[in-house]
Amino acid sequence: MTQPELAEKAGTGLRFIRDLEQGKKTLRMDKVNQVLDLFGYELRPVEQKREQ
C-alpha cells in the first residue's frame, strides 16, 4: 500500500503518514489510532505501577 493510499483509507493527510513513518515524536493519538484501526490495533495509555 502506498502512503497516499494509506492516508486516504485512514482519513488522514499524507503529511501525517510521512511523519508517522519517520517516527516523529509528537503525533496526535486520535490520528495514530485512525491508521492503526485499519490493521485491528489501538494505541491507548496504560497505568504503570511505580516502585517507591
Protein backbone atom coordinates (compact mmCIF):
# COMPACT_ATOMS: atom_id res chain seq x y z
CA MET A 1 0.00 0.00 0.00
CA THR A 2 1.37 3.42 -0.88
CA GLN A 3 1.47 6.35 1.52
CA PRO A 4 -1.27 8.21 -0.40
CA GLU A 5 -3.48 5.09 -0.34
CA LEU A 6 -2.94 4.64 3.39
CA ALA A 7 -3.71 8.30 4.08
CA GLU A 8 -6.93 8.05 2.10
CA LYS A 9 -8.08 4.81 3.73
CA ALA A 10 -7.26 6.11 7.22
CA GLY A 11 -8.80 9.52 6.63
CA THR A 12 -5.60 11.38 7.44
CA GLY A 13 -3.32 13.63 5.46
CA LEU A 14 -0.32 12.39 3.54
CA ARG A 15 1.96 14.57 5.68
CA PHE A 16 0.72 12.77 8.80
CA ILE A 17 1.52 9.36 7.29
CA ARG A 18 5.02 10.53 6.41
CA ASP A 19 5.56 11.92 9.92
CA LEU A 20 4.29 8.65 11.43
CA GLU A 21 6.62 6.53 9.30
CA GLN A 22 9.57 8.75 10.09
CA GLY A 23 8.99 8.39 13.83
CA LYS A 24 8.02 11.97 14.66
CA LYS A 25 7.93 12.18 18.44
CA THR A 26 4.77 14.29 18.72
CA LEU A 27 1.72 12.96 16.91
CA ARG A 28 -1.97 13.14 17.74
CA MET A 29 -3.09 9.88 19.32
CA ASP A 30 -6.51 10.03 17.64
CA LYS A 31 -4.90 10.20 14.21
CA VAL A 32 -2.47 7.38 15.05
CA ASN A 33 -5.49 5.31 16.04
CA GLN A 34 -7.19 6.06 12.72
CA VAL A 35 -4.26 4.40 10.98
CA LEU A 36 -3.92 1.54 13.48
CA ASP A 37 -7.65 0.78 13.23
CA LEU A 38 -7.13 -0.35 9.64
CA PHE A 39 -4.96 -3.15 10.99
CA GLY A 40 -7.04 -4.02 14.04
CA TYR A 41 -4.93 -2.22 16.64
CA GLU A 42 -5.40 0.67 19.05
CA LEU A 43 -2.97 2.85 20.98
CA ARG A 44 -4.04 3.85 24.46
CA PRO A 45 -2.49 4.93 27.72
CA VAL A 46 -1.90 2.27 30.34
CA GLU A 47 -1.38 2.73 34.04
CA GLN A 48 2.11 1.92 35.20
CA LYS A 49 2.83 0.90 38.76
CA ARG A 50 5.90 2.65 40.06
CA GLU A 51 8.09 1.26 42.78
CA GLN A 52 8.81 3.61 45.67
